[in-house]
PDB file of N, CA and C in Angstrom:
ATOM      1  N   MET A   1       0.832  -0.808  -0.157  1.00  0.00           N
ATOM      2  CA  MET A   1       0.160   0.232   0.207  1.00  0.00           C
ATOM      3  C   MET A   1       0.798   1.553   0.085  1.00  0.00           C
ATOM      4  N   GLY A   2       2.316   1.143   0.470  1.00  0.00           N
ATOM      5  CA  GLY A   2       2.940   2.223   0.571  1.00  0.00           C
ATOM      6  C   GLY A   2       3.465   2.397  -0.691  1.00  0.00           C
ATOM      7  N   ASN A   3       3.874   1.552  -1.355  1.00  0.00           N
ATOM      8  CA  ASN A   3       4.673   1.863  -2.935  1.00  0.00           C
ATOM      9  C   ASN A   3       3.362   2.465  -3.785  1.00  0.00           C
ATOM     10  N   ALA A   4       2.202   1.989  -3.855  1.00  0.00           N
ATOM     11  CA  ALA A   4       0.985   2.811  -4.294  1.00  0.00           C
ATOM     12  C   ALA A   4       1.081   4.229  -3.813  1.00  0.00           C
ATOM     13  N   ALA A   5       1.001   4.364  -3.052  1.00  0.00           N
ATOM     14  CA  ALA A   5       0.883   6.154  -2.500  1.00  0.00           C
ATOM     15  C   ALA A   5       2.281   6.964  -3.343  1.00  0.00           C
ATOM     16  N   LEU A   6       3.613   6.063  -3.117  1.00  0.00           N
ATOM     17  CA  LEU A   6       4.707   6.441  -3.389  1.00  0.00           C
ATOM     18  C   LEU A   6       4.468   6.963  -5.108  1.00  0.00           C
ATOM     19  N   VAL A   7       4.314   5.996  -5.634  1.00  0.00           N
ATOM     20  CA  VAL A   7       3.880   5.625  -6.968  1.00  0.00           C
ATOM     21  C   VAL A   7       2.895   7.415  -7.548  1.00  0.00           C
ATOM     22  N   ILE A   8       1.825   7.184  -6.752  1.00  0.00           N
ATOM     23  CA  ILE A   8       1.072   8.093  -6.726  1.00  0.00           C
ATOM     24  C   ILE A   8       1.389   9.505  -7.217  1.00  0.00           C
ATOM     25  N   LEU A   9       2.754   9.954  -6.024  1.00  0.00           N
ATOM     26  CA  LEU A   9       2.925  11.091  -5.425  1.00  0.00           C
ATOM     27  C   LEU A   9       4.333  11.231  -6.714  1.00  0.00           C
ATOM     28  N   ALA A  10       4.873   9.983  -7.146  1.00  0.00           N
ATOM     29  CA  ALA A  10       6.084  10.202  -8.550  1.00  0.00           C
ATOM     30  C   ALA A  10       5.048  11.133  -9.510  1.00  0.00           C
ATOM     31  N   VAL A  11       4.284  10.350  -9.879  1.00  0.00           N
ATOM     32  CA  VAL A  11       3.854  10.558 -11.250  1.00  0.00           C
ATOM     33  C   VAL A  11       3.107  12.044 -10.968  1.00  0.00           C
ATOM     34  N   LEU A  12       2.283  12.602 -10.052  1.00  0.00           N
ATOM     35  CA  LEU A  12       1.757  13.722  -9.767  1.00  0.00           C
ATOM     36  C   LEU A  12       3.072  14.878 -10.039  1.00  0.00           C
ATOM     37  N   ALA A  13       4.348  14.589  -9.160  1.00  0.00           N
ATOM     38  CA  ALA A  13       5.326  15.415  -9.548  1.00  0.00           C
ATOM     39  C   ALA A  13       5.736  15.125 -10.941  1.00  0.00           C
ATOM     40  N   MET A  14       6.036  14.445 -11.676  1.00  0.00           N
ATOM     41  CA  MET A  14       6.509  14.198 -13.139  1.00  0.00           C
ATOM     42  C   MET A  14       5.232  15.124 -13.508  1.00  0.00           C
ATOM     43  N   GLY A  15       4.076  14.949 -13.304  1.00  0.00           N
ATOM     44  CA  GLY A  15       3.106  16.256 -14.304  1.00  0.00           C
ATOM     45  C   GLY A  15       3.543  17.629 -13.956  1.00  0.00           C
ATOM     46  N   ALA A  16       3.848  17.523 -12.790  1.00  0.00           N
ATOM     47  CA  ALA A  16       3.855  19.152 -12.503  1.00  0.00           C
ATOM     48  C   ALA A  16       4.995  19.810 -13.092  1.00  0.00           C
ATOM     49  N   VAL A  17       6.124  18.646 -13.061  1.00  0.00           N
ATOM     50  CA  VAL A  17       7.665  19.422 -13.623  1.00  0.00           C
ATOM     51  C   VAL A  17       7.340  19.626 -15.386  1.00  0.00           C
ATOM     52  N   VAL A  18       6.369  18.569 -15.787  1.00  0.00           N
ATOM     53  CA  VAL A  18       6.057  18.663 -17.285  1.00  0.00           C
ATOM     54  C   VAL A  18       5.294  19.572 -17.616  1.00  0.00           C
ATOM     55  N   THR A  19       4.772  20.547 -16.707  1.00  0.00           N
ATOM     56  CA  THR A  19       3.975  21.093 -17.087  1.00  0.00           C
ATOM     57  C   THR A  19       4.340  22.786 -16.567  1.00  0.00           C
ATOM     58  N   VAL A  20       5.163  22.730 -15.775  1.00  0.00           N
ATOM     59  CA  VAL A  20       5.989  24.020 -15.592  1.00  0.00           C
ATOM     60  C   VAL A  20       7.472  24.441 -16.361  1.00  0.00           C
ATOM     61  N   LEU A  21       7.725  23.132 -17.112  1.00  0.00           N
ATOM     62  CA  LEU A  21       9.043  22.967 -17.951  1.00  0.00           C
ATOM     63  C   LEU A  21       8.932  22.343 -18.879  1.00  0.00           C
ATOM     64  N   GLY A  22       7.467  22.511 -19.506  1.00  0.00           N
ATOM     65  CA  GLY A  22       6.894  21.932 -20.810  1.00  0.00           C
ATOM     66  C   GLY A  22       7.705  22.991 -22.056  1.00  0.00           C
ATOM     67  N   PRO A  23       7.474  24.723 -21.885  1.00  0.00           N
ATOM     68  CA  PRO A  23       8.259  25.530 -22.751  1.00  0.00           C
ATOM     69  C   PRO A  23       9.654  24.769 -23.028  1.00  0.00           C
ATOM     70  N   VAL A  24      10.464  24.629 -21.803  1.00  0.00           N
ATOM     71  CA  VAL A  24      12.009  24.261 -21.852  1.00  0.00           C
ATOM     72  C   VAL A  24      11.910  22.764 -22.568  1.00  0.00           C
ATOM     73  N   LEU A  25      11.194  21.906 -22.393  1.00  0.00           N
ATOM     74  CA  LEU A  25      11.293  20.646 -23.264  1.00  0.00           C
ATOM     75  C   LEU A  25      10.878  20.539 -24.187  1.00  0.00           C
ATOM     76  N   GLN A  26       9.797  21.549 -24.890  1.00  0.00           N
ATOM     77  CA  GLN A  26       9.506  21.003 -25.961  1.00  0.00           C
ATOM     78  C   GLN A  26      10.266  20.871 -27.325  1.00  0.00           C
ATOM     79  N   PRO A  27      11.562  21.914 -27.088  1.00  0.00           N
ATOM     80  CA  PRO A  27      12.378  21.560 -28.467  1.00  0.00           C
ATOM     81  C   PRO A  27      12.957  20.426 -28.132  1.00  0.00           C
ATOM     82  N   PHE A  28      13.374  19.980 -26.961  1.00  0.00           N
ATOM     83  CA  PHE A  28      14.083  18.695 -27.457  1.00  0.00           C
ATOM     84  C   PHE A  28      13.157  17.310 -27.531  1.00  0.00           C
ATOM     85  N   LEU A  29      11.541  17.397 -27.108  1.00  0.00           N
ATOM     86  CA  LEU A  29      10.914  16.463 -27.446  1.00  0.00           C
ATOM     87  C   LEU A  29      10.409  15.909 -29.047  1.00  0.00           C
ATOM     88  N   VAL A  30      10.628  17.475 -29.424  1.00  0.00           N
ATOM     89  CA  VAL A  30      10.422  17.724 -30.917  1.00  0.00           C
ATOM     90  C   VAL A  30      11.309  17.152 -31.399  1.00  0.00           C
ATOM     91  N   ALA A  31      12.590  17.418 -31.136  1.00  0.00           N
ATOM     92  CA  ALA A  31      13.887  16.888 -31.615  1.00  0.00           C
ATOM     93  C   ALA A  31      13.884  15.540 -31.638  1.00  0.00           C
ATOM     94  N   LEU A  32      13.734  14.939 -30.250  1.00  0.00           N
ATOM     95  CA  LEU A  32      13.538  13.506 -30.298  1.00  0.00           C
ATOM     96  C   LEU A  32      12.506  12.902 -31.173  1.00  0.00           C
ATOM     97  N   PHE A  33      11.526  13.358 -31.343  1.00  0.00           N
ATOM     98  CA  PHE A  33      10.424  12.509 -32.394  1.00  0.00           C
ATOM     99  C   PHE A  33      11.291  12.984 -33.784  1.00  0.00           C
ATOM    100  N   LEU A  34      11.810  13.932 -34.114  1.00  0.00           N
ATOM    101  CA  LEU A  34      11.928  13.904 -35.615  1.00  0.00           C
ATOM    102  C   LEU A  34      13.220  13.504 -35.730  1.00  0.00           C
ATOM    103  N   PHE A  35      14.343  12.723 -34.685  1.00  0.00           N
ATOM    104  CA  PHE A  35      15.264  11.965 -34.662  1.00  0.00           C
ATOM    105  C   PHE A  35      14.930  10.879 -34.916  1.00  0.00           C
ATOM    106  N   TYR A  36      13.826  10.140 -34.280  1.00  0.00           N
ATOM    107  CA  TYR A  36      13.625   8.949 -34.281  1.00  0.00           C
ATOM    108  C   TYR A  36      12.627   8.732 -35.634  1.00  0.00           C
ATOM    109  N   ALA A  37      11.658   9.648 -36.231  1.00  0.00           N
ATOM    110  CA  ALA A  37      10.999   9.288 -37.845  1.00  0.00           C
ATOM    111  C   ALA A  37      11.924   9.821 -38.427  1.00  0.00           C
ATOM    112  N   THR A  38      13.426  10.282 -38.604  1.00  0.00           N
ATOM    113  CA  THR A  38      14.182  10.228 -40.144  1.00  0.00           C
ATOM    114  C   THR A  38      14.872   9.199 -39.529  1.00  0.00           C
ATOM    115  N   GLN A  39      15.424   8.254 -38.509  1.00  0.00           N
ATOM    116  CA  GLN A  39      15.957   7.454 -38.551  1.00  0.00           C
ATOM    117  C   GLN A  39      15.188   5.907 -39.280  1.00  0.00           C
ATOM    118  N   PHE A  40      13.612   6.192 -38.920  1.00  0.00           N
ATOM    119  CA  PHE A  40      13.144   5.037 -39.270  1.00  0.00           C
ATOM    120  C   PHE A  40      12.714   5.319 -40.991  1.00  0.00           C
ATOM    121  N   GLY A  41      12.827   6.298 -41.418  1.00  0.00           N
ATOM    122  CA  GLY A  41      12.894   6.833 -42.858  1.00  0.00           C
ATOM    123  C   GLY A  41      14.075   6.075 -43.094  1.00  0.00           C
ATOM    124  N   ALA A  42      15.311   6.483 -43.200  1.00  0.00           N
ATOM    125  CA  ALA A  42      16.313   6.321 -43.407  1.00  0.00           C
ATOM    126  C   ALA A  42      17.140   4.338 -43.159  1.00  0.00           C
ATOM    127  N   LYS A  43      16.453   4.339 -42.538  1.00  0.00           N
ATOM    128  CA  LYS A  43      16.532   2.427 -42.228  1.00  0.00           C
ATOM    129  C   LYS A  43      15.643   1.844 -43.404  1.00  0.00           C
ATOM    130  N   SER A  44      14.695   2.562 -43.149  1.00  0.00           N
ATOM    131  CA  SER A  44      13.271   1.654 -44.700  1.00  0.00           C
ATOM    132  C   SER A  44      14.477   2.108 -45.731  1.00  0.00           C
ATOM    133  N   PHE A  45      14.698   3.421 -46.447  1.00  0.00           N
ATOM    134  CA  PHE A  45      15.264   3.517 -47.133  1.00  0.00           C
ATOM    135  C   PHE A  45      16.730   2.525 -47.555  1.00  0.00           C
ATOM    136  N   SER A  46      17.557   2.570 -46.990  1.00  0.00           N
ATOM    137  CA  SER A  46      18.700   1.579 -46.758  1.00  0.00           C
ATOM    138  C   SER A  46      18.253   0.401 -46.770  1.00  0.00           C
ATOM    139  N   ARG A  47      17.346  -0.210 -46.377  1.00  0.00           N
ATOM    140  CA  ARG A  47      16.523  -1.992 -46.678  1.00  0.00           C
ATOM    141  C   ARG A  47      16.635  -2.021 -48.202  1.00  0.00           C
ATOM    142  N   LEU A  48      16.155  -0.778 -49.016  1.00  0.00           N
ATOM    143  CA  LEU A  48      15.807  -0.747 -50.461  1.00  0.00           C
ATOM    144  C   LEU A  48      16.870  -0.782 -51.069  1.00  0.00           C
ATOM    145  N   GLY A  49      18.341  -0.634 -50.174  1.00  0.00           N
ATOM    146  CA  GLY A  49      19.952  -0.534 -51.004  1.00  0.00           C
ATOM    147  C   GLY A  49      20.653   0.823 -51.261  1.00  0.00           C
ATOM    148  N   MET A  50      19.811   2.086 -50.833  1.00  0.00           N
ATOM    149  CA  MET A  50      20.040   3.271 -51.026  1.00  0.00           C
ATOM    150  C   MET A  50      21.692   3.332 -49.305  1.00  0.00           C
ATOM    151  N   ARG A  51      22.236   4.258 -49.846  1.00  0.00           N
ATOM    152  CA  ARG A  51      23.489   4.534 -48.766  1.00  0.00           C
ATOM    153  C   ARG A  51      22.754   5.328 -47.777  1.00  0.00           C
ATOM    154  N   PRO A  52      23.439   5.186 -46.281  1.00  0.00           N
ATOM    155  CA  PRO A  52      22.536   6.009 -45.278  1.00  0.00           C
ATOM    156  C   PRO A  52      22.204   7.297 -45.588  1.00  0.00           C
ATOM    157  N   TRP A  53      23.710   7.925 -46.240  1.00  0.00           N
ATOM    158  CA  TRP A  53      23.886   9.292 -46.537  1.00  0.00           C
ATOM    159  C   TRP A  53      22.603  10.191 -47.354  1.00  0.00           C
ATOM    160  N   THR A  54      22.775   9.430 -48.155  1.00  0.00           N
ATOM    161  CA  THR A  54      21.452   9.208 -49.257  1.00  0.00           C
ATOM    162  C   THR A  54      20.019   9.614 -48.888  1.00  0.00           C
ATOM    163  N   ALA A  55      19.968   8.499 -48.097  1.00  0.00           N
ATOM    164  CA  ALA A  55      18.476   8.023 -47.407  1.00  0.00           C
ATOM    165  C   ALA A  55      18.212   9.363 -46.188  1.00  0.00           C
ATOM    166  N   TYR A  56      19.188   9.929 -45.389  1.00  0.00           N
ATOM    167  CA  TYR A  56      18.885  11.035 -44.998  1.00  0.00           C
ATOM    168  C   TYR A  56      18.938  12.454 -45.635  1.00  0.00           C
ATOM    169  N   LEU A  57      19.302  12.482 -46.522  1.00  0.00           N
ATOM    170  CA  LEU A  57      19.733  13.544 -47.713  1.00  0.00           C
ATOM    171  C   LEU A  57      18.170  13.859 -48.363  1.00  0.00           C
ATOM    172  N   SER A  58      17.637  12.493 -48.553  1.00  0.00           N
ATOM    173  CA  SER A  58      16.240  12.485 -49.230  1.00  0.00           C
ATOM    174  C   SER A  58      15.435  12.899 -48.590  1.00  0.00           C
ATOM    175  N   ILE A  59      15.155  12.109 -47.447  1.00  0.00           N
ATOM    176  CA  ILE A  59      14.270  12.812 -46.062  1.00  0.00           C
ATOM    177  C   ILE A  59      14.457  14.329 -45.980  1.00  0.00           C
ATOM    178  N   VAL A  60      15.190  14.474 -46.001  1.00  0.00           N
ATOM    179  CA  VAL A  60      15.231  16.081 -45.346  1.00  0.00           C
ATOM    180  C   VAL A  60      14.708  17.067 -46.534  1.00  0.00           C
ATOM    181  N   SER A  61      15.584  16.286 -47.444  1.00  0.00           N
ATOM    182  CA  SER A  61      14.773  16.880 -49.094  1.00  0.00           C
ATOM    183  C   SER A  61      13.482  17.195 -49.169  1.00  0.00           C
ATOM    184  N   LEU A  62      12.709  15.671 -48.964  1.00  0.00           N
ATOM    185  CA  LEU A  62      11.317  15.387 -49.000  1.00  0.00           C
ATOM    186  C   LEU A  62      10.447  16.308 -47.829  1.00  0.00           C
ATOM    187  N   ALA A  63      11.149  16.382 -46.560  1.00  0.00           N
ATOM    188  CA  ALA A  63      10.571  17.591 -45.671  1.00  0.00           C
ATOM    189  C   ALA A  63      10.716  18.653 -46.033  1.00  0.00           C
ATOM    190  N   LEU A  64      11.700  19.193 -46.573  1.00  0.00           N
ATOM    191  CA  LEU A  64      11.994  20.527 -47.111  1.00  0.00           C
ATOM    192  C   LEU A  64      10.629  20.775 -48.338  1.00  0.00           C
ATOM    193  N   ILE A  65      11.243  20.274 -49.154  1.00  0.00           N
ATOM    194  CA  ILE A  65       9.851  20.469 -50.223  1.00  0.00           C
ATOM    195  C   ILE A  65       8.076  20.460 -49.549  1.00  0.00           C
ATOM    196  N   PHE A  66       7.714  19.378 -48.850  1.00  0.00           N
ATOM    197  CA  PHE A  66       6.619  19.435 -47.900  1.00  0.00           C
ATOM    198  C   PHE A  66       6.421  20.816 -47.818  1.00  0.00           C
ATOM    199  N   THR A  67       7.317  21.218 -47.127  1.00  0.00           N
ATOM    200  CA  THR A  67       7.146  22.104 -46.066  1.00  0.00           C
ATOM    201  C   THR A  67       6.764  23.646 -46.999  1.00  0.00           C
ATOM    202  N   ILE A  68       7.574  23.452 -47.930  1.00  0.00           N
ATOM    203  CA  ILE A  68       7.398  24.872 -49.084  1.00  0.00           C
ATOM    204  C   ILE A  68       6.148  24.732 -49.470  1.00  0.00           C
ATOM    205  N   LEU A  69       5.531  23.857 -50.163  1.00  0.00           N
ATOM    206  CA  LEU A  69       4.814  23.977 -50.874  1.00  0.00           C
ATOM    207  C   LEU A  69       3.283  23.589 -49.707  1.00  0.00           C
ATOM    208  N   THR A  70       3.388  23.348 -48.466  1.00  0.00           N
ATOM    209  CA  THR A  70       2.405  23.870 -47.982  1.00  0.00           C
ATOM    210  C   THR A  70       2.401  25.097 -47.233  1.00  0.00           C
ATOM    211  N   ALA A  71       3.513  25.635 -46.782  1.00  0.00           N
ATOM    212  CA  ALA A  71       3.948  27.104 -47.024  1.00  0.00           C
ATOM    213  C   ALA A  71       3.088  28.043 -47.935  1.00  0.00           C
ATOM    214  N   GLN A  72       3.495  27.681 -49.417  1.00  0.00           N
ATOM    215  CA  GLN A  72       2.951  28.330 -50.488  1.00  0.00           C
ATOM    216  C   GLN A  72       1.410  28.088 -50.539  1.00  0.00           C
ATOM    217  N   LEU A  73       0.544  26.690 -50.379  1.00  0.00           N
ATOM    218  CA  LEU A  73      -0.715  27.113 -50.314  1.00  0.00           C
ATOM    219  C   LEU A  73      -1.436  27.613 -49.125  1.00  0.00           C
ATOM    220  N   GLY A  74      -1.016  27.841 -48.091  1.00  0.00           N
ATOM    221  CA  GLY A  74      -1.542  28.406 -46.934  1.00  0.00           C
ATOM    222  C   GLY A  74      -1.224  30.115 -46.501  1.00  0.00           C
ATOM    223  N   GLN A  75      -0.255  30.434 -47.813  1.00  0.00           N
ATOM    224  CA  GLN A  75       0.062  32.040 -47.973  1.00  0.00           C
ATOM    225  C   GLN A  75      -1.037  32.935 -48.354  1.00  0.00           C
ATOM    226  N   PRO A  76      -2.179  32.575 -49.335  1.00  0.00           N
ATOM    227  CA  PRO A  76      -2.890  33.577 -49.550  1.00  0.00           C
ATOM    228  C   PRO A  76      -4.022  33.651 -48.426  1.00  0.00           C
ATOM    229  N   GLN A  77      -4.416  32.857 -47.473  1.00  0.00           N
ATOM    230  CA  GLN A  77      -4.704  32.332 -46.160  1.00  0.00           C
ATOM    231  C   GLN A  77      -4.408  33.531 -44.971  1.00  0.00           C
ATOM    232  N   VAL A  78      -3.225  33.464 -45.160  1.00  0.00           N
ATOM    233  CA  VAL A  78      -2.343  34.369 -44.363  1.00  0.00           C
ATOM    234  C   VAL A  78      -2.703  35.645 -44.346  1.00  0.00           C
ATOM    235  N   TYR A  79      -2.671  36.344 -45.660  1.00  0.00           N
ATOM    236  CA  TYR A  79      -2.743  37.878 -46.173  1.00  0.00           C
ATOM    237  C   TYR A  79      -4.012  38.381 -45.961  1.00  0.00           C
ATOM    238  N   ALA A  80      -5.018  37.306 -46.498  1.00  0.00           N
ATOM    239  CA  ALA A  80      -6.307  38.088 -46.880  1.00  0.00           C
ATOM    240  C   ALA A  80      -6.967  38.539 -45.291  1.00  0.00           C
ATOM    241  N   THR A  81      -7.886  39.534 -45.753  1.00  0.00           N
ATOM    242  CA  THR A  81      -8.231  40.348 -44.752  1.00  0.00           C
ATOM    243  C   THR A  81      -9.346  39.543 -44.011  1.00  0.00           C
ATOM    244  N   GLY A  82      -9.837  39.981 -43.462  1.00  0.00           N
ATOM    245  CA  GLY A  82     -11.240  38.986 -42.379  1.00  0.00           C
ATOM    246  C   GLY A  82     -12.087  39.137 -43.190  1.00  0.00           C
ATOM    247  N   SER A  83     -12.849  40.534 -44.717  1.00  0.00           N
ATOM    248  CA  SER A  83     -13.953  40.187 -45.138  1.00  0.00           C
ATOM    249  C   SER A  83     -13.565  38.838 -46.444  1.00  0.00           C
ATOM    250  N   GLU A  84     -12.335  39.338 -46.971  1.00  0.00           N
ATOM    251  CA  GLU A  84     -12.049  38.319 -47.496  1.00  0.00           C
ATOM    252  C   GLU A  84     -12.162  36.813 -47.505  1.00  0.00           C
ATOM    253  N   ARG A  85     -11.337  36.536 -45.987  1.00  0.00           N
ATOM    254  CA  ARG A  85     -11.707  35.499 -45.617  1.00  0.00           C
ATOM    255  C   ARG A  85     -13.054  34.868 -45.581  1.00  0.00           C
ATOM    256  N   ARG A  86     -14.276  35.815 -45.060  1.00  0.00           N
ATOM    257  CA  ARG A  86     -15.374  35.516 -44.748  1.00  0.00           C
ATOM    258  C   ARG A  86     -16.036  35.019 -46.577  1.00  0.00           C
ATOM    259  N   ARG A  87     -15.497  35.920 -47.278  1.00  0.00           N
ATOM    260  CA  ARG A  87     -16.224  35.801 -48.270  1.00  0.00           C
ATOM    261  C   ARG A  87     -15.447  34.133 -49.091  1.00  0.00           C
ATOM    262  N   ARG A  88     -14.416  34.090 -48.917  1.00  0.00           N
ATOM    263  CA  ARG A  88     -13.687  32.417 -49.556  1.00  0.00           C
ATOM    264  C   ARG A  88     -14.442  31.377 -48.478  1.00  0.00           C
ATOM    265  N   ALA A  89     -15.045  31.623 -47.321  1.00  0.00           N
ATOM    266  CA  ALA A  89     -15.345  30.873 -46.531  1.00  0.00           C
ATOM    267  C   ALA A  89     -17.145  30.311 -47.095  1.00  0.00           C
ATOM    268  N   LEU A  90     -17.398  31.501 -47.429  1.00  0.00           N
ATOM    269  CA  LEU A  90     -18.765  31.282 -48.107  1.00  0.00           C
ATOM    270  C   LEU A  90     -18.856  30.674 -49.534  1.00  0.00           C
ATOM    271  N   ALA A  91     -17.684  31.135 -49.817  1.00  0.00           N
ATOM    272  CA  ALA A  91     -17.968  30.488 -51.691  1.00  0.00           C
ATOM    273  C   ALA A  91     -17.772  28.822 -51.780  1.00  0.00           C
ATOM    274  N   VAL A  92     -16.851  28.595 -50.516  1.00  0.00           N
ATOM    275  CA  VAL A  92     -16.293  27.112 -50.539  1.00  0.00           C
ATOM    276  C   VAL A  92     -17.793  26.476 -50.121  1.00  0.00           C
TER     277      VAL A  92
END
């Protein structure tokens, strides 16, 4: 029974730490996610016969192209005024 209370206190303490340090930990958690995501893709490309450096280069290139295309598609919405946004929303 004493161990259960200790575990509950530890979970609550970790929740408090993550809540307080969230803005500080967020870049590290994003970097960790990106590392494992690109590592999985690079290993998949390596199994297909690509060298590791070309696999990483192709993944980064694809991510960059995707980011640029997404930004280009969203750009007109960013610069539209409020009335233009309402007109476009009604037209769809």
